[in-house]
Amino acid sequence: MFKLMLVMTLGIARLPGSGAEADVALGHCSGNHSNWFKVGEHCAQHFQEKVTYEQAMKNCRAKCEECRLISIHDAVANAAVTSLTGGQLAWIGAIRFEGQYIWTDGSAWDYQNWAPGEPLPAGTCVYINFQSAGKWDNFHCDRTYGYICGFCNPDLVLDRGQITSTDEPKYSMIQPPLGDTTPERKEVYQRPETVMTS
């Protein structure tokens, strides 16, 4: 009975394991974002409106100044994001640039969960729940999917090199593809100093 009440109150994400699945509780963030969920070090929200990757980025920024498409840094956070989406296709904050994947929020590329055979060389923007729940795919950015916005929650930050509210991001400026220099898109093409290649 208690577990059922907890599931209804917090929400549950399923973490794939060997054999049995583990429950991952999704608590609510505090303050002005109490309708957002705790996902790793982020407060996050799934929006079902189907938009392009660029529009998803703009929509996240419109939600709050710190909001970006979410970055995912471990299997537990991936399971939580999968739960928030209900298994629907949704943009996450990863893009390919110069053959490497980066998070658009500037955090370290320290986790990935590609579907079998992915990523392909043709796609640039990354979405979740391809082929099966929680798996990632890269595709053309002009496709339309839902999206997950997130922002760093200072109450949840662990000391593992992530950007926190008090840290300054370590960016290297790079040129945007195809001469795109519009202010709304410039930050997407900034790259952290350290990235992990696929």
N, C-alpha and C. Protein backbone atom coordinates (compact mmCIF):
# COMPACT_ATOMS: atom_id res chain seq x y z
N MET A 1 0.83 -1.19 0.00
CA MET A 1 0.00 0.00 0.00
C MET A 1 0.87 1.25 0.00
N PHE A 2 1.90 1.28 0.88
CA PHE A 2 2.78 2.44 0.94
C PHE A 2 3.49 2.66 -0.39
N LYS A 3 3.98 1.57 -1.02
CA LYS A 3 4.68 1.69 -2.29
C LYS A 3 3.74 2.25 -3.35
N LEU A 4 2.49 1.82 -3.38
CA LEU A 4 1.53 2.33 -4.35
C LEU A 4 1.33 3.83 -4.16
N MET A 5 1.22 4.29 -2.91
CA MET A 5 1.06 5.72 -2.65
C MET A 5 2.30 6.48 -3.11
N LEU A 6 3.49 5.93 -2.86
CA LEU A 6 4.73 6.57 -3.28
C LEU A 6 4.79 6.70 -4.79
N VAL A 7 4.39 5.66 -5.50
CA VAL A 7 4.39 5.69 -6.96
C VAL A 7 3.45 6.79 -7.45
N MET A 8 2.29 6.92 -6.87
CA MET A 8 1.32 7.91 -7.31
C MET A 8 1.80 9.32 -6.98
N THR A 9 2.50 9.50 -5.87
CA THR A 9 2.94 10.82 -5.44
C THR A 9 4.17 11.29 -6.19
N LEU A 10 5.18 10.42 -6.31
CA LEU A 10 6.46 10.82 -6.86
C LEU A 10 6.63 10.47 -8.33
N GLY A 11 6.00 9.43 -8.78
CA GLY A 11 6.26 8.92 -10.11
C GLY A 11 7.41 7.92 -10.02
N ILE A 12 7.43 6.97 -10.93
CA ILE A 12 8.46 5.94 -10.89
C ILE A 12 9.06 5.80 -12.28
N ALA A 13 10.36 5.69 -12.32
CA ALA A 13 11.07 5.37 -13.56
C ALA A 13 11.62 3.96 -13.42
N ARG A 14 11.65 3.23 -14.49
CA ARG A 14 12.20 1.87 -14.48
C ARG A 14 13.64 1.91 -14.97
N LEU A 15 14.54 1.40 -14.15
CA LEU A 15 15.95 1.31 -14.51
C LEU A 15 16.23 -0.10 -14.99
N PRO A 16 16.59 -0.25 -16.27
CA PRO A 16 16.86 -1.60 -16.78
C PRO A 16 18.02 -2.23 -16.02
N GLY A 17 17.90 -3.46 -15.72
CA GLY A 17 18.97 -4.17 -15.03
C GLY A 17 19.08 -5.57 -15.57
N SER A 18 19.89 -6.37 -14.97
CA SER A 18 20.00 -7.76 -15.40
C SER A 18 18.93 -8.55 -14.68
N GLY A 19 17.88 -8.88 -15.39
CA GLY A 19 16.77 -9.62 -14.80
C GLY A 19 15.71 -8.68 -14.26
N ALA A 20 15.79 -8.33 -13.00
CA ALA A 20 14.77 -7.50 -12.37
C ALA A 20 15.03 -6.03 -12.64
N GLU A 21 13.97 -5.24 -12.62
CA GLU A 21 14.10 -3.80 -12.80
C GLU A 21 14.05 -3.11 -11.44
N ALA A 22 14.77 -2.02 -11.30
CA ALA A 22 14.78 -1.25 -10.06
C ALA A 22 13.91 -0.01 -10.25
N ASP A 23 13.20 0.38 -9.22
CA ASP A 23 12.38 1.59 -9.28
C ASP A 23 13.24 2.81 -8.98
N VAL A 24 13.01 3.88 -9.73
CA VAL A 24 13.69 5.15 -9.52
C VAL A 24 12.59 6.18 -9.23
N ALA A 25 12.53 6.68 -8.02
CA ALA A 25 11.48 7.64 -7.65
C ALA A 25 11.79 9.01 -8.24
N LEU A 26 10.77 9.66 -8.75
CA LEU A 26 10.90 11.02 -9.28
C LEU A 26 10.24 11.98 -8.31
N GLY A 27 11.04 12.69 -7.55
CA GLY A 27 10.51 13.69 -6.65
C GLY A 27 10.28 15.00 -7.38
N HIS A 28 9.61 15.91 -6.73
CA HIS A 28 9.35 17.23 -7.31
C HIS A 28 10.42 18.22 -6.86
N CYS A 29 10.73 19.17 -7.72
CA CYS A 29 11.64 20.26 -7.36
C CYS A 29 10.88 21.23 -6.45
N SER A 30 11.60 22.15 -5.85
CA SER A 30 10.97 23.07 -4.90
C SER A 30 10.85 24.47 -5.50
N GLY A 31 10.24 25.34 -4.74
CA GLY A 31 10.13 26.75 -5.14
C GLY A 31 9.20 26.97 -6.32
N ASN A 32 9.62 27.85 -7.22
CA ASN A 32 8.78 28.21 -8.37
C ASN A 32 8.64 27.08 -9.38
N HIS A 33 9.40 26.02 -9.22
CA HIS A 33 9.36 24.91 -10.17
C HIS A 33 8.87 23.63 -9.50
N SER A 34 7.90 23.73 -8.60
CA SER A 34 7.42 22.56 -7.88
C SER A 34 6.67 21.59 -8.79
N ASN A 35 6.29 22.00 -10.00
CA ASN A 35 5.65 21.08 -10.93
C ASN A 35 6.68 20.41 -11.85
N TRP A 36 7.97 20.68 -11.62
CA TRP A 36 9.06 20.03 -12.35
C TRP A 36 9.57 18.87 -11.51
N PHE A 37 10.22 17.89 -12.15
CA PHE A 37 10.69 16.69 -11.47
C PHE A 37 12.21 16.70 -11.31
N LYS A 38 12.69 16.08 -10.23
CA LYS A 38 14.12 15.92 -10.00
C LYS A 38 14.62 14.78 -10.87
N VAL A 39 15.58 15.09 -11.72
CA VAL A 39 16.21 14.09 -12.60
C VAL A 39 17.72 14.27 -12.45
N GLY A 40 18.34 13.40 -11.69
CA GLY A 40 19.77 13.56 -11.43
C GLY A 40 19.99 14.91 -10.75
N GLU A 41 20.83 15.74 -11.36
CA GLU A 41 21.14 17.06 -10.81
C GLU A 41 20.26 18.15 -11.39
N HIS A 42 19.23 17.77 -12.11
CA HIS A 42 18.36 18.73 -12.80
C HIS A 42 16.94 18.72 -12.26
N CYS A 43 16.27 19.82 -12.50
CA CYS A 43 14.82 19.85 -12.46
C CYS A 43 14.40 19.73 -13.92
N ALA A 44 13.43 18.89 -14.22
CA ALA A 44 13.10 18.61 -15.62
C ALA A 44 11.59 18.53 -15.82
N GLN A 45 11.19 18.81 -17.06
CA GLN A 45 9.78 18.73 -17.45
C GLN A 45 9.71 18.29 -18.91
N HIS A 46 8.77 17.39 -19.19
CA HIS A 46 8.53 16.93 -20.57
C HIS A 46 7.42 17.76 -21.18
N PHE A 47 7.64 18.22 -22.40
CA PHE A 47 6.63 18.97 -23.14
C PHE A 47 6.30 18.18 -24.40
N GLN A 48 5.02 17.85 -24.58
CA GLN A 48 4.60 16.96 -25.66
C GLN A 48 4.44 17.67 -27.00
N GLU A 49 4.41 18.98 -27.01
CA GLU A 49 4.29 19.73 -28.26
C GLU A 49 5.40 19.29 -29.22
N LYS A 50 5.04 18.92 -30.43
CA LYS A 50 6.02 18.45 -31.41
C LYS A 50 6.61 19.64 -32.16
N VAL A 51 7.92 19.84 -31.97
CA VAL A 51 8.63 20.97 -32.57
C VAL A 51 10.00 20.50 -33.08
N THR A 52 10.63 21.35 -33.89
CA THR A 52 12.00 21.07 -34.34
C THR A 52 12.96 21.22 -33.16
N TYR A 53 14.18 20.76 -33.36
CA TYR A 53 15.19 20.87 -32.31
C TYR A 53 15.43 22.33 -31.92
N GLU A 54 15.59 23.18 -32.93
CA GLU A 54 15.84 24.61 -32.65
C GLU A 54 14.68 25.23 -31.87
N GLN A 55 13.45 24.91 -32.26
CA GLN A 55 12.30 25.46 -31.55
C GLN A 55 12.23 24.92 -30.12
N ALA A 56 12.59 23.66 -29.94
CA ALA A 56 12.62 23.07 -28.59
C ALA A 56 13.61 23.84 -27.71
N MET A 57 14.79 24.17 -28.27
CA MET A 57 15.76 24.95 -27.51
C MET A 57 15.19 26.31 -27.13
N LYS A 58 14.55 26.98 -28.07
CA LYS A 58 13.95 28.29 -27.78
C LYS A 58 12.85 28.17 -26.74
N ASN A 59 12.03 27.14 -26.86
CA ASN A 59 10.93 26.94 -25.90
C ASN A 59 11.48 26.72 -24.49
N CYS A 60 12.56 25.96 -24.38
CA CYS A 60 13.16 25.73 -23.06
C CYS A 60 13.64 27.05 -22.46
N ARG A 61 14.33 27.84 -23.26
CA ARG A 61 14.83 29.14 -22.77
C ARG A 61 13.68 30.04 -22.33
N ALA A 62 12.53 29.93 -22.98
CA ALA A 62 11.36 30.74 -22.61
C ALA A 62 10.75 30.29 -21.28
N LYS A 63 10.99 29.04 -20.88
CA LYS A 63 10.43 28.52 -19.62
C LYS A 63 11.11 29.16 -18.41
N CYS A 64 12.43 29.31 -18.48
CA CYS A 64 13.19 29.98 -17.44
C CYS A 64 14.58 30.30 -18.00
N GLU A 65 15.23 31.28 -17.40
CA GLU A 65 16.53 31.73 -17.91
C GLU A 65 17.57 30.62 -17.94
N GLU A 66 17.54 29.72 -16.95
CA GLU A 66 18.54 28.65 -16.86
C GLU A 66 18.15 27.42 -17.66
N CYS A 67 16.93 27.34 -18.18
CA CYS A 67 16.44 26.12 -18.83
C CYS A 67 17.11 25.87 -20.17
N ARG A 68 17.45 24.62 -20.39
CA ARG A 68 18.01 24.13 -21.65
C ARG A 68 17.39 22.77 -21.94
N LEU A 69 17.57 22.25 -23.13
CA LEU A 69 17.25 20.85 -23.34
C LEU A 69 18.12 20.04 -22.39
N ILE A 70 17.56 19.00 -21.81
CA ILE A 70 18.23 18.31 -20.70
C ILE A 70 19.46 17.54 -21.15
N SER A 71 20.47 17.53 -20.29
CA SER A 71 21.63 16.66 -20.47
C SER A 71 21.45 15.48 -19.51
N ILE A 72 21.94 14.33 -19.93
CA ILE A 72 21.76 13.08 -19.17
C ILE A 72 23.14 12.53 -18.86
N HIS A 73 23.41 12.26 -17.57
CA HIS A 73 24.77 11.89 -17.17
C HIS A 73 24.91 10.51 -16.54
N ASP A 74 23.84 9.74 -16.45
CA ASP A 74 23.96 8.37 -15.96
C ASP A 74 22.68 7.60 -16.27
N ALA A 75 22.72 6.28 -16.02
CA ALA A 75 21.59 5.41 -16.35
C ALA A 75 20.35 5.74 -15.52
N VAL A 76 20.53 6.16 -14.29
CA VAL A 76 19.39 6.51 -13.44
C VAL A 76 18.67 7.74 -14.02
N ALA A 77 19.42 8.77 -14.40
CA ALA A 77 18.82 9.95 -15.02
C ALA A 77 18.17 9.60 -16.35
N ASN A 78 18.79 8.70 -17.12
CA ASN A 78 18.21 8.28 -18.40
C ASN A 78 16.86 7.59 -18.16
N ALA A 79 16.80 6.74 -17.14
CA ALA A 79 15.54 6.06 -16.80
C ALA A 79 14.48 7.07 -16.35
N ALA A 80 14.90 8.08 -15.61
CA ALA A 80 13.95 9.11 -15.15
C ALA A 80 13.41 9.91 -16.33
N VAL A 81 14.28 10.29 -17.27
CA VAL A 81 13.83 11.03 -18.45
C VAL A 81 12.89 10.16 -19.28
N THR A 82 13.22 8.89 -19.41
CA THR A 82 12.36 7.96 -20.14
C THR A 82 10.98 7.90 -19.50
N SER A 83 10.94 7.85 -18.17
CA SER A 83 9.68 7.83 -17.45
C SER A 83 8.88 9.11 -17.68
N LEU A 84 9.56 10.25 -17.64
CA LEU A 84 8.86 11.53 -17.85
C LEU A 84 8.22 11.59 -19.23
N THR A 85 8.87 11.01 -20.23
CA THR A 85 8.33 11.06 -21.59
C THR A 85 7.23 10.05 -21.83
N GLY A 86 7.08 9.09 -20.93
CA GLY A 86 6.11 8.03 -21.15
C GLY A 86 6.47 7.20 -22.37
N GLY A 87 7.74 7.16 -22.73
CA GLY A 87 8.19 6.39 -23.88
C GLY A 87 8.03 7.10 -25.21
N GLN A 88 7.55 8.35 -25.20
CA GLN A 88 7.39 9.11 -26.45
C GLN A 88 8.73 9.65 -26.92
N LEU A 89 8.88 9.81 -28.23
CA LEU A 89 10.09 10.40 -28.79
C LEU A 89 10.20 11.84 -28.30
N ALA A 90 11.41 12.22 -27.84
CA ALA A 90 11.60 13.58 -27.31
C ALA A 90 13.05 14.01 -27.50
N TRP A 91 13.22 15.26 -27.92
CA TRP A 91 14.56 15.84 -28.05
C TRP A 91 15.22 15.94 -26.69
N ILE A 92 16.53 15.65 -26.64
CA ILE A 92 17.35 15.91 -25.46
C ILE A 92 18.47 16.85 -25.90
N GLY A 93 19.25 17.36 -24.97
CA GLY A 93 20.20 18.43 -25.26
C GLY A 93 21.53 17.99 -25.83
N ALA A 94 21.54 17.02 -26.71
CA ALA A 94 22.79 16.56 -27.32
C ALA A 94 22.78 16.86 -28.81
N ILE A 95 23.94 17.28 -29.32
CA ILE A 95 24.11 17.48 -30.76
C ILE A 95 25.50 16.97 -31.16
N ARG A 96 25.63 16.67 -32.44
CA ARG A 96 26.93 16.26 -32.99
C ARG A 96 27.56 17.48 -33.63
N PHE A 97 28.83 17.68 -33.32
CA PHE A 97 29.58 18.77 -33.96
C PHE A 97 30.99 18.29 -34.20
N GLU A 98 31.44 18.41 -35.43
CA GLU A 98 32.79 17.98 -35.83
C GLU A 98 33.07 16.55 -35.38
N GLY A 99 32.07 15.67 -35.54
CA GLY A 99 32.25 14.25 -35.23
C GLY A 99 32.18 13.90 -33.76
N GLN A 100 31.90 14.86 -32.89
CA GLN A 100 31.81 14.61 -31.45
C GLN A 100 30.43 15.03 -30.96
N TYR A 101 29.98 14.38 -29.91
CA TYR A 101 28.70 14.76 -29.31
C TYR A 101 28.97 15.65 -28.11
N ILE A 102 28.14 16.66 -27.97
CA ILE A 102 28.25 17.61 -26.87
C ILE A 102 26.86 17.86 -26.29
N TRP A 103 26.82 18.31 -25.06
CA TRP A 103 25.58 18.76 -24.43
C TRP A 103 25.46 20.26 -24.64
N THR A 104 24.29 20.72 -25.03
CA THR A 104 24.10 22.14 -25.30
C THR A 104 24.14 22.99 -24.05
N ASP A 105 24.07 22.38 -22.86
CA ASP A 105 24.19 23.17 -21.63
C ASP A 105 25.64 23.34 -21.20
N GLY A 106 26.58 22.78 -21.95
CA GLY A 106 28.00 22.94 -21.65
C GLY A 106 28.56 21.92 -20.69
N SER A 107 27.75 20.98 -20.20
CA SER A 107 28.26 19.99 -19.25
C SER A 107 29.05 18.90 -19.99
N ALA A 108 29.79 18.12 -19.22
CA ALA A 108 30.67 17.09 -19.79
C ALA A 108 29.86 15.99 -20.47
N TRP A 109 30.37 15.49 -21.59
CA TRP A 109 29.76 14.34 -22.28
C TRP A 109 30.33 13.09 -21.61
N ASP A 110 29.62 12.60 -20.58
CA ASP A 110 30.14 11.50 -19.78
C ASP A 110 29.22 10.29 -19.75
N TYR A 111 28.18 10.29 -20.56
CA TYR A 111 27.24 9.17 -20.62
C TYR A 111 26.56 9.19 -21.98
N GLN A 112 26.26 8.00 -22.49
CA GLN A 112 25.48 7.89 -23.72
C GLN A 112 24.73 6.56 -23.70
N ASN A 113 23.61 6.50 -24.40
CA ASN A 113 22.78 5.29 -24.40
C ASN A 113 22.17 5.09 -25.79
N TRP A 114 23.04 4.92 -26.77
CA TRP A 114 22.59 4.79 -28.16
C TRP A 114 21.85 3.48 -28.40
N ALA A 115 20.87 3.52 -29.28
CA ALA A 115 20.21 2.32 -29.76
C ALA A 115 21.23 1.51 -30.56
N PRO A 116 21.03 0.21 -30.71
CA PRO A 116 21.96 -0.59 -31.50
C PRO A 116 22.13 -0.01 -32.91
N GLY A 117 23.38 0.09 -33.35
CA GLY A 117 23.68 0.63 -34.68
C GLY A 117 23.74 2.14 -34.75
N GLU A 118 23.49 2.82 -33.66
CA GLU A 118 23.51 4.28 -33.62
C GLU A 118 24.77 4.75 -32.90
N PRO A 119 25.22 5.95 -33.11
CA PRO A 119 24.66 6.98 -33.97
C PRO A 119 25.13 6.81 -35.42
N LEU A 120 24.32 7.28 -36.35
CA LEU A 120 24.66 7.26 -37.76
C LEU A 120 25.35 8.57 -38.13
N PRO A 121 26.16 8.59 -39.17
CA PRO A 121 26.88 9.81 -39.53
C PRO A 121 26.00 10.93 -40.07
N ALA A 122 24.81 10.63 -40.54
CA ALA A 122 23.97 11.66 -41.17
C ALA A 122 23.23 12.56 -40.18
N GLY A 123 22.92 12.08 -38.99
CA GLY A 123 22.12 12.86 -38.05
C GLY A 123 22.95 13.79 -37.19
N THR A 124 22.32 14.85 -36.71
CA THR A 124 23.01 15.84 -35.88
C THR A 124 22.39 15.96 -34.50
N CYS A 125 21.06 16.05 -34.42
CA CYS A 125 20.36 16.28 -33.15
C CYS A 125 19.89 14.96 -32.56
N VAL A 126 19.85 14.88 -31.24
CA VAL A 126 19.61 13.61 -30.55
C VAL A 126 18.26 13.62 -29.85
N TYR A 127 17.55 12.49 -29.98
CA TYR A 127 16.30 12.29 -29.26
C TYR A 127 16.32 10.95 -28.55
N ILE A 128 15.42 10.79 -27.61
CA ILE A 128 15.36 9.59 -26.77
C ILE A 128 14.13 8.76 -27.14
N ASN A 129 14.18 7.47 -26.81
CA ASN A 129 13.11 6.48 -27.00
C ASN A 129 13.02 5.97 -28.44
N PHE A 130 14.17 5.82 -29.10
CA PHE A 130 14.23 5.28 -30.45
C PHE A 130 14.34 3.76 -30.36
N GLN A 131 13.52 3.04 -31.06
CA GLN A 131 13.46 1.57 -31.11
C GLN A 131 12.99 0.96 -29.80
N SER A 132 13.45 1.48 -28.66
CA SER A 132 12.96 1.00 -27.37
C SER A 132 13.16 2.11 -26.34
N ALA A 133 12.46 1.97 -25.23
CA ALA A 133 12.48 3.01 -24.21
C ALA A 133 13.89 3.31 -23.73
N GLY A 134 14.24 4.60 -23.70
CA GLY A 134 15.51 5.04 -23.16
C GLY A 134 16.67 5.05 -24.14
N LYS A 135 16.49 4.48 -25.33
CA LYS A 135 17.58 4.44 -26.31
C LYS A 135 17.60 5.71 -27.14
N TRP A 136 18.80 6.13 -27.54
CA TRP A 136 18.99 7.39 -28.25
C TRP A 136 19.24 7.16 -29.73
N ASP A 137 18.88 8.18 -30.50
CA ASP A 137 19.16 8.21 -31.93
C ASP A 137 19.53 9.63 -32.31
N ASN A 138 20.34 9.77 -33.34
CA ASN A 138 20.63 11.09 -33.90
C ASN A 138 19.88 11.19 -35.22
N PHE A 139 19.33 12.36 -35.50
CA PHE A 139 18.53 12.51 -36.71
C PHE A 139 18.59 13.95 -37.18
N HIS A 140 17.89 14.23 -38.26
CA HIS A 140 17.84 15.59 -38.80
C HIS A 140 17.10 16.50 -37.83
N CYS A 141 17.63 17.67 -37.62
CA CYS A 141 17.11 18.60 -36.62
C CYS A 141 15.76 19.21 -36.99
N ASP A 142 15.35 19.07 -38.25
CA ASP A 142 14.08 19.66 -38.66
C ASP A 142 12.90 18.73 -38.42
N ARG A 143 13.13 17.53 -37.92
CA ARG A 143 12.03 16.64 -37.54
C ARG A 143 11.34 17.21 -36.31
N THR A 144 10.13 16.79 -36.05
CA THR A 144 9.40 17.34 -34.90
C THR A 144 9.09 16.24 -33.88
N TYR A 145 9.51 16.50 -32.65
CA TYR A 145 9.26 15.62 -31.51
C TYR A 145 8.93 16.49 -30.30
N GLY A 146 8.47 15.84 -29.23
CA GLY A 146 8.37 16.52 -27.94
C GLY A 146 9.78 16.82 -27.45
N TYR A 147 9.91 17.36 -26.26
CA TYR A 147 11.23 17.72 -25.75
C TYR A 147 11.23 17.75 -24.23
N ILE A 148 12.43 17.61 -23.66
CA ILE A 148 12.62 17.64 -22.21
C ILE A 148 13.48 18.85 -21.88
N CYS A 149 12.95 19.77 -21.10
CA CYS A 149 13.74 20.91 -20.61
C CYS A 149 14.26 20.58 -19.22
N GLY A 150 15.40 21.13 -18.89
CA GLY A 150 15.97 20.94 -17.57
C GLY A 150 16.85 22.11 -17.20
N PHE A 151 17.06 22.26 -15.92
CA PHE A 151 18.02 23.25 -15.43
C PHE A 151 18.68 22.66 -14.20
N CYS A 152 19.91 23.09 -13.96
CA CYS A 152 20.68 22.57 -12.84
C CYS A 152 20.03 22.98 -11.53
N ASN A 153 19.80 22.01 -10.67
CA ASN A 153 19.21 22.25 -9.36
C ASN A 153 20.34 22.26 -8.34
N PRO A 154 20.71 23.44 -7.81
CA PRO A 154 21.84 23.52 -6.88
C PRO A 154 21.73 22.60 -5.68
N ASP A 155 20.50 22.24 -5.28
CA ASP A 155 20.32 21.36 -4.13
C ASP A 155 20.70 19.91 -4.45
N LEU A 156 20.81 19.57 -5.75
CA LEU A 156 21.06 18.19 -6.15
C LEU A 156 22.43 17.96 -6.76
N VAL A 157 23.24 19.00 -6.88
CA VAL A 157 24.51 18.89 -7.60
C VAL A 157 25.51 18.04 -6.81
N LEU A 158 26.13 17.11 -7.53
CA LEU A 158 27.21 16.30 -6.97
C LEU A 158 28.52 16.86 -7.50
N ASP A 159 29.58 16.68 -6.78
CA ASP A 159 30.88 17.19 -7.22
C ASP A 159 31.50 16.19 -8.19
N ARG A 160 31.17 16.31 -9.49
CA ARG A 160 31.77 15.45 -10.50
C ARG A 160 32.06 16.24 -11.76
N GLY A 161 32.39 17.51 -11.59
CA GLY A 161 32.81 18.29 -12.73
C GLY A 161 31.67 18.90 -13.52
N GLN A 162 30.46 18.78 -13.06
CA GLN A 162 29.32 19.36 -13.77
C GLN A 162 29.28 20.86 -13.55
N ILE A 163 28.60 21.56 -14.43
CA ILE A 163 28.38 22.99 -14.24
C ILE A 163 27.35 23.17 -13.15
N THR A 164 27.63 23.99 -12.18
CA THR A 164 26.67 24.30 -11.13
C THR A 164 26.34 25.78 -11.21
N SER A 165 25.44 26.21 -10.37
CA SER A 165 25.04 27.61 -10.41
C SER A 165 26.19 28.54 -10.06
N THR A 166 27.23 28.03 -9.41
CA THR A 166 28.35 28.89 -9.04
C THR A 166 29.56 28.71 -9.95
N ASP A 167 29.55 27.67 -10.81
CA ASP A 167 30.66 27.44 -11.71
C ASP A 167 30.48 28.24 -12.99
N GLU A 168 31.58 28.62 -13.60
CA GLU A 168 31.55 29.23 -14.92
C GLU A 168 31.78 28.14 -15.94
N PRO A 169 30.97 28.05 -16.99
CA PRO A 169 31.20 27.03 -18.01
C PRO A 169 32.56 27.25 -18.69
N LYS A 170 33.19 26.16 -19.07
CA LYS A 170 34.47 26.23 -19.77
C LYS A 170 34.20 25.96 -21.25
N TYR A 171 34.01 27.01 -22.02
CA TYR A 171 33.68 26.89 -23.42
C TYR A 171 34.86 27.25 -24.31
N SER A 172 34.91 26.64 -25.45
CA SER A 172 35.75 27.08 -26.54
C SER A 172 34.80 27.53 -27.63
N MET A 173 35.00 28.71 -28.15
CA MET A 173 34.13 29.19 -29.21
C MET A 173 34.47 28.48 -30.50
N ILE A 174 33.46 28.01 -31.21
CA ILE A 174 33.65 27.37 -32.49
C ILE A 174 32.69 27.99 -33.49
N GLN A 175 32.96 27.82 -34.75
CA GLN A 175 32.11 28.41 -35.78
C GLN A 175 30.85 27.57 -35.96
N PRO A 176 29.68 28.19 -36.04
CA PRO A 176 28.46 27.45 -36.31
C PRO A 176 28.46 26.91 -37.73
N PRO A 177 27.76 25.79 -37.97
CA PRO A 177 27.72 25.22 -39.31
C PRO A 177 26.97 26.13 -40.29
N LEU A 178 27.34 26.07 -41.53
CA LEU A 178 26.67 26.78 -42.62
C LEU A 178 26.55 28.27 -42.38
N GLY A 179 27.49 28.86 -41.65
CA GLY A 179 27.49 30.30 -41.45
C GLY A 179 26.37 30.82 -40.57
N ASP A 180 25.71 29.96 -39.80
CA ASP A 180 24.60 30.38 -38.94
C ASP A 180 25.16 31.17 -37.76
N THR A 181 24.91 32.45 -37.71
CA THR A 181 25.43 33.28 -36.62
C THR A 181 24.33 34.00 -35.86
N THR A 182 23.09 33.56 -36.00
CA THR A 182 22.00 34.23 -35.29
C THR A 182 22.22 34.09 -33.79
N PRO A 183 21.93 35.14 -33.01
CA PRO A 183 22.19 35.08 -31.56
C PRO A 183 21.48 33.93 -30.88
N GLU A 184 20.27 33.56 -31.34
CA GLU A 184 19.52 32.49 -30.69
C GLU A 184 20.23 31.15 -30.83
N ARG A 185 21.02 30.96 -31.88
CA ARG A 185 21.64 29.67 -32.13
C ARG A 185 23.11 29.64 -31.77
N LYS A 186 23.71 30.79 -31.50
CA LYS A 186 25.16 30.83 -31.28
C LYS A 186 25.58 29.95 -30.11
N GLU A 187 24.82 29.93 -28.99
CA GLU A 187 25.25 29.18 -27.83
C GLU A 187 25.24 27.68 -28.07
N VAL A 188 24.42 27.20 -29.00
CA VAL A 188 24.37 25.78 -29.28
C VAL A 188 25.71 25.29 -29.82
N TYR A 189 26.42 26.17 -30.50
CA TYR A 189 27.65 25.78 -31.16
C TYR A 189 28.88 26.14 -30.34
N GLN A 190 28.70 26.31 -29.05
CA GLN A 190 29.84 26.46 -28.16
C GLN A 190 30.14 25.06 -27.61
N ARG A 191 31.40 24.73 -27.53
CA ARG A 191 31.76 23.39 -27.13
C ARG A 191 32.53 23.40 -25.82
N PRO A 192 32.20 22.48 -24.89
CA PRO A 192 33.01 22.37 -23.68
C PRO A 192 34.43 21.94 -24.06
N GLU A 193 35.38 22.22 -23.19
CA GLU A 193 36.77 21.89 -23.49
C GLU A 193 37.02 20.40 -23.56
N THR A 194 36.25 19.61 -22.81
CA THR A 194 36.43 18.16 -22.85
C THR A 194 35.16 17.51 -23.32
N VAL A 195 35.27 16.64 -24.30
CA VAL A 195 34.13 15.88 -24.81
C VAL A 195 34.56 14.45 -25.02
N MET A 196 33.58 13.55 -25.04
CA MET A 196 33.85 12.14 -25.27
C MET A 196 33.32 11.78 -26.65
N THR A 197 34.11 11.19 -27.48
CA THR A 197 33.64 10.82 -28.81
C THR A 197 32.90 9.52 -28.73
N SER A 198 32.03 9.32 -29.70
CA SER A 198 31.24 8.07 -29.72
C SER A 198 32.05 6.91 -30.25
